[in-house]
C-alpha atoms as a PDB file:
ATOM      1  CA  MET A   1     121.739  91.937 107.529  1.00  0.00           C
ATOM      2  CA  SER A   2     122.931  95.479 106.871  1.00  0.00           C
ATOM      3  CA  HIS A   3     121.181  97.737 104.358  1.00  0.00           C
ATOM      4  CA  GLY A   4     123.696 100.538 104.579  1.00  0.00           C
ATOM      5  CA  ALA A   5     125.009 102.958 107.138  1.00  0.00           C
ATOM      6  CA  GLY A   6     122.464 105.733 106.628  1.00  0.00           C
ATOM      7  CA  LEU A   7     119.323 103.697 105.988  1.00  0.00           C
ATOM      8  CA  VAL A   8     116.927 102.861 108.789  1.00  0.00           C
ATOM      9  CA  ARG A   9     113.912 100.733 107.925  1.00  0.00           C
ATOM     10  CA  THR A  10     110.918 100.428 110.206  1.00  0.00           C
ATOM     11  CA  THR A  11     107.895  98.202 109.899  1.00  0.00           C
ATOM     12  CA  CYS A  12     105.507 101.137 109.718  1.00  0.00           C
ATOM     13  CA  SER A  13     107.468 103.110 107.147  1.00  0.00           C
ATOM     14  CA  SER A  14     105.989 103.240 103.669  1.00  0.00           C
ATOM     15  CA  GLY A  15     107.786 106.258 102.279  1.00  0.00           C
ATOM     16  CA  SER A  16     109.813 104.380  99.701  1.00  0.00           C
ATOM     17  CA  ALA A  17     107.433 101.508  99.043  1.00  0.00           C
ATOM     18  CA  PHE A  18     105.601 103.197  96.186  1.00  0.00           C
ATOM     19  CA  GLY A  19     106.353 105.731  93.523  1.00  0.00           C
ATOM     20  CA  PRO A  20     108.367 105.914  90.347  1.00  0.00           C
ATOM     21  CA  ARG A  21     111.708 105.943  92.174  1.00  0.00           C
ATOM     22  CA  ALA A  22     110.959 103.201  94.702  1.00  0.00           C
ATOM     23  CA  GLY A  23     114.194 101.760  95.965  1.00  0.00           C
ATOM     24  CA  ALA A  24     116.351 103.937  93.728  1.00  0.00           C
ATOM     25  CA  GLY A  25     118.671 106.373  95.390  1.00  0.00           C
ATOM     26  CA  GLN A  26     117.455 105.757  98.910  1.00  0.00           C
ATOM     27  CA  ARG A  27     120.867 104.733 100.235  1.00  0.00           C
ATOM     28  CA  GLY A  28     122.646 107.744  98.878  1.00  0.00           C
ATOM     29  CA  THR A  29     120.212 110.362 100.115  1.00  0.00           C
ATOM     30  CA  SER A  30     121.805 113.326 101.743  1.00  0.00           C
ATOM     31  CA  THR A  31     120.637 116.580 103.237  1.00  0.00           C
ATOM     32  CA  SER A  32     122.056 118.478 100.268  1.00  0.00           C
ATOM     33  CA  GLU A  33     119.158 117.282  98.091  1.00  0.00           C
ATOM     34  CA  GLY A  34     116.875 119.793  99.725  1.00  0.00           C
ATOM     35  CA  MET A  35     113.263 119.518 100.695  1.00  0.00           C
ATOM     36  CA  LEU A  36     111.820 119.999  97.214  1.00  0.00           C
ATOM     37  CA  ASP A  37     111.642 116.997  94.879  1.00  0.00           C
ATOM     38  CA  PRO A  38     112.371 118.367  91.396  1.00  0.00           C
ATOM     39  CA  VAL A  39     111.404 115.109  89.638  1.00  0.00           C
ATOM     40  CA  TYR A  40     107.968 114.632  91.232  1.00  0.00           C
ATOM     41  CA  PRO A  41     106.024 117.318  89.259  1.00  0.00           C
ATOM     42  CA  ARG A  42     106.830 115.440  86.020  1.00  0.00           C
ATOM     43  CA  THR A  43     105.550 112.039  87.199  1.00  0.00           C
ATOM     44  CA  HIS A  44     102.209 110.558  86.175  1.00  0.00           C
ATOM     45  CA  GLY A  45     100.880 110.712  89.735  1.00  0.00           C
ATOM     46  CA  ALA A  46     101.669 114.401  90.054  1.00  0.00           C
ATOM     47  CA  LEU A  47     100.156 115.233  86.684  1.00  0.00           C
ATOM     48  CA  LEU A  48      96.973 113.350  87.612  1.00  0.00           C
ATOM     49  CA  LYS A  49      96.760 115.244  90.912  1.00  0.00           C
ATOM     50  CA  VAL A  50      97.131 118.575  89.097  1.00  0.00           C
ATOM     51  CA  ALA A  51      94.467 117.550  86.566  1.00  0.00           C
ATOM     52  CA  GLN A  52      92.108 116.581  89.413  1.00  0.00           C
ATOM     53  CA  MET A  53      92.690 119.888  91.181  1.00  0.00           C
ATOM     54  CA  VAL A  54      92.068 121.910  88.021  1.00  0.00           C
ATOM     55  CA  THR A  55      88.903 119.929  87.242  1.00  0.00           C
ATOM     56  CA  LEU A  56      87.586 120.374  90.782  1.00  0.00           C
ATOM     57  CA  LEU A  57      88.322 124.091  90.689  1.00  0.00           C
ATOM     58  CA  ILE A  58      86.491 124.479  87.363  1.00  0.00           C
ATOM     59  CA  ALA A  59      83.519 122.487  88.712  1.00  0.00           C
ATOM     60  CA  PHE A  60      83.395 124.637  91.847  1.00  0.00           C
ATOM     61  CA  ILE A  61      83.515 127.874  89.847  1.00  0.00           C
ATOM     62  CA  CYS A  62      80.790 126.668  87.467  1.00  0.00           C
ATOM     63  CA  VAL A  63      78.428 125.717  90.286  1.00  0.00           C
ATOM     64  CA  ARG A  64      79.269 128.803  92.335  1.00  0.00           C
ATOM     65  CA  SER A  65      78.483 131.136  89.447  1.00  0.00           C
ATOM     66  CA  SER A  66      75.201 129.411  88.531  1.00  0.00           C
ATOM     67  CA  PRO A  67      71.925 131.254  89.180  1.00  0.00           C
ATOM     68  CA  TRP A  68      70.513 128.371  91.276  1.00  0.00           C
ATOM     69  CA  ILE A  69      73.000 128.766  94.078  1.00  0.00           C
ATOM     70  CA  ASN A  70      70.431 128.685  96.905  1.00  0.00           C
ATOM     71  CA  GLN A  71      69.542 125.033  96.455  1.00  0.00           C
ATOM     72  CA  SER A  72      71.065 122.681  99.012  1.00  0.00           C
ATOM     73  CA  ALA A  73      72.289 120.191  96.392  1.00  0.00           C
ATOM     74  CA  TYR A  74      74.532 122.850  94.901  1.00  0.00           C
ATOM     75  CA  ARG A  75      75.861 123.793  98.353  1.00  0.00           C
ATOM     76  CA  TYR A  76      76.656 120.133  99.005  1.00  0.00           C
ATOM     77  CA  PHE A  77      78.502 119.904  95.677  1.00  0.00           C
ATOM     78  CA  GLU A  78      80.537 122.984  96.596  1.00  0.00           C
ATOM     79  CA  VAL A  79      81.549 121.440  99.927  1.00  0.00           C
ATOM     80  CA  VAL A  80      82.532 118.167  98.269  1.00  0.00           C
ATOM     81  CA  THR A  81      84.614 119.828  95.553  1.00  0.00           C
ATOM     82  CA  ILE A  82      86.487 122.095  97.969  1.00  0.00           C
ATOM     83  CA  CYS A  83      87.165 119.267 100.454  1.00  0.00           C
ATOM     84  CA  ASN A  84      88.512 117.048  97.684  1.00  0.00           C
ATOM     85  CA  LEU A  85      90.594 119.905  96.302  1.00  0.00           C
ATOM     86  CA  ILE A  86      92.171 120.507  99.712  1.00  0.00           C
ATOM     87  CA  MET A  87      92.811 116.783 100.240  1.00  0.00           C
ATOM     88  CA  ILE A  88      94.487 116.319  96.841  1.00  0.00           C
ATOM     89  CA  LEU A  89      96.538 119.483  97.360  1.00  0.00           C
ATOM     90  CA  ALA A  90      97.722 118.138 100.735  1.00  0.00           C
ATOM     91  CA  PHE A  91      98.873 114.854  99.152  1.00  0.00           C
ATOM     92  CA  TYR A  92     100.580 116.762  96.323  1.00  0.00           C
ATOM     93  CA  LEU A  93     102.486 118.920  98.815  1.00  0.00           C
ATOM     94  CA  VAL A  94     103.434 115.877 100.920  1.00  0.00           C
ATOM     95  CA  HIS A  95     105.095 114.300  97.896  1.00  0.00           C
ATOM     96  CA  LEU A  96     106.528 117.535  96.519  1.00  0.00           C
ATOM     97  CA  PHE A  97     108.276 118.473  99.768  1.00  0.00           C
ATOM     98  CA  ARG A  98     109.143 114.845 100.648  1.00  0.00           C
ATOM     99  CA  LEU A  99     107.243 114.969 103.932  1.00  0.00           C
ATOM    100  CA  TYR A 100     106.639 111.222 103.694  1.00  0.00           C
ATOM    101  CA  ARG A 101     110.306 110.740 104.643  1.00  0.00           C
ATOM    102  CA  VAL A 102     109.885 112.753 107.833  1.00  0.00           C
ATOM    103  CA  LEU A 103     106.554 111.216 108.839  1.00  0.00           C
ATOM    104  CA  THR A 104     107.550 107.557 108.622  1.00  0.00           C
ATOM    105  CA  CYS A 105     104.970 106.188 111.064  1.00  0.00           C
ATOM    106  CA  ILE A 106     102.091 107.090 108.704  1.00  0.00           C
ATOM    107  CA  SER A 107     101.139 104.500 106.125  1.00  0.00           C
ATOM    108  CA  TRP A 108     100.707 106.881 103.199  1.00  0.00           C
ATOM    109  CA  PRO A 109      98.969 104.446 100.834  1.00  0.00           C
ATOM    110  CA  LEU A 110      96.364 103.768 103.520  1.00  0.00           C
ATOM    111  CA  SER A 111      95.963 107.398 104.587  1.00  0.00           C
ATOM    112  CA  ILE A 112      93.684 108.146 101.626  1.00  0.00           C
ATOM    113  CA  PHE A 113      91.119 105.795 103.147  1.00  0.00           C
ATOM    114  CA  GLY A 114      91.323 107.738 106.407  1.00  0.00           C
ATOM    115  CA  PHE A 115      90.566 110.987 104.591  1.00  0.00           C
ATOM    116  CA  ILE A 116      87.672 109.398 102.720  1.00  0.00           C
ATOM    117  CA  ALA A 117      86.234 107.845 105.891  1.00  0.00           C
ATOM    118  CA  THR A 118      86.505 111.155 107.755  1.00  0.00           C
ATOM    119  CA  PHE A 119      84.834 113.027 104.929  1.00  0.00           C
ATOM    120  CA  LEU A 120      82.014 110.492 104.677  1.00  0.00           C
ATOM    121  CA  CYS A 121      81.404 110.673 108.427  1.00  0.00           C
ATOM    122  CA  LEU A 122      81.264 114.470 108.319  1.00  0.00           C
ATOM    123  CA  ALA A 123      78.967 114.400 105.295  1.00  0.00           C
ATOM    124  CA  SER A 124      76.690 111.911 107.052  1.00  0.00           C
ATOM    125  CA  VAL A 125      76.496 114.074 110.171  1.00  0.00           C
ATOM    126  CA  TRP A 126      75.910 117.185 108.092  1.00  0.00           C
ATOM    127  CA  LEU A 127      73.113 115.552 106.104  1.00  0.00           C
ATOM    128  CA  SER A 128      71.506 113.940 109.160  1.00  0.00           C
ATOM    129  CA  TYR A 129      71.485 116.985 111.406  1.00  0.00           C
ATOM    130  CA  LYS A 130      71.126 119.780 108.923  1.00  0.00           C
ATOM    131  CA  ILE A 131      70.025 122.986 110.578  1.00  0.00           C
ATOM    132  CA  SER A 132      67.344 124.733 108.613  1.00  0.00           C
ATOM    133  CA  CYS A 133      66.952 128.471 108.852  1.00  0.00           C
ATOM    134  CA  VAL A 134      63.217 128.482 108.222  1.00  0.00           C
ATOM    135  CA  THR A 135      61.375 130.953 110.394  1.00  0.00           C
ATOM    136  CA  GLN A 136      58.083 129.926 111.908  1.00  0.00           C
ATOM    137  CA  SER A 137      55.085 132.145 111.536  1.00  0.00           C
ATOM    138  CA  THR A 138      54.043 133.966 114.699  1.00  0.00           C
ATOM    139  CA  ASP A 139      50.488 134.768 113.671  1.00  0.00           C
ATOM    140  CA  ALA A 140      49.081 131.328 114.398  1.00  0.00           C
ATOM    141  CA  ALA A 141      45.431 131.157 115.399  1.00  0.00           C
ATOM    142  CA  VAL A 142      44.918 130.638 119.128  1.00  0.00           C
END
């Protein structure tokens, strides 16, 4: 069964499985389209990603400028907001520059779980083995 001369489908490819233009225009893709997807910034997924990034940035700035910045809970919140901001920005750029077409062996819908699992493992290690900078007193009675 032939799907067209320029279309190669693999079992691990998920680039065209999801999205607002799934299956539309995939056969007629050419290199003249360019790397930038001009339609993606106007989709619901892109607008939600931008809203998440703006909200995370506002939350980070609010916590960073608070007077109680030395508490560890606020530091943890800062780490979480920045890590999520970077992760969402990476997914936005992957879709904006159509990198999912180049990296066909990555299951993009499942990759979010990989990022979450990695972050949770790092957070667990950081919380379990937190290094405290408390100095011990040297004038102990002998």
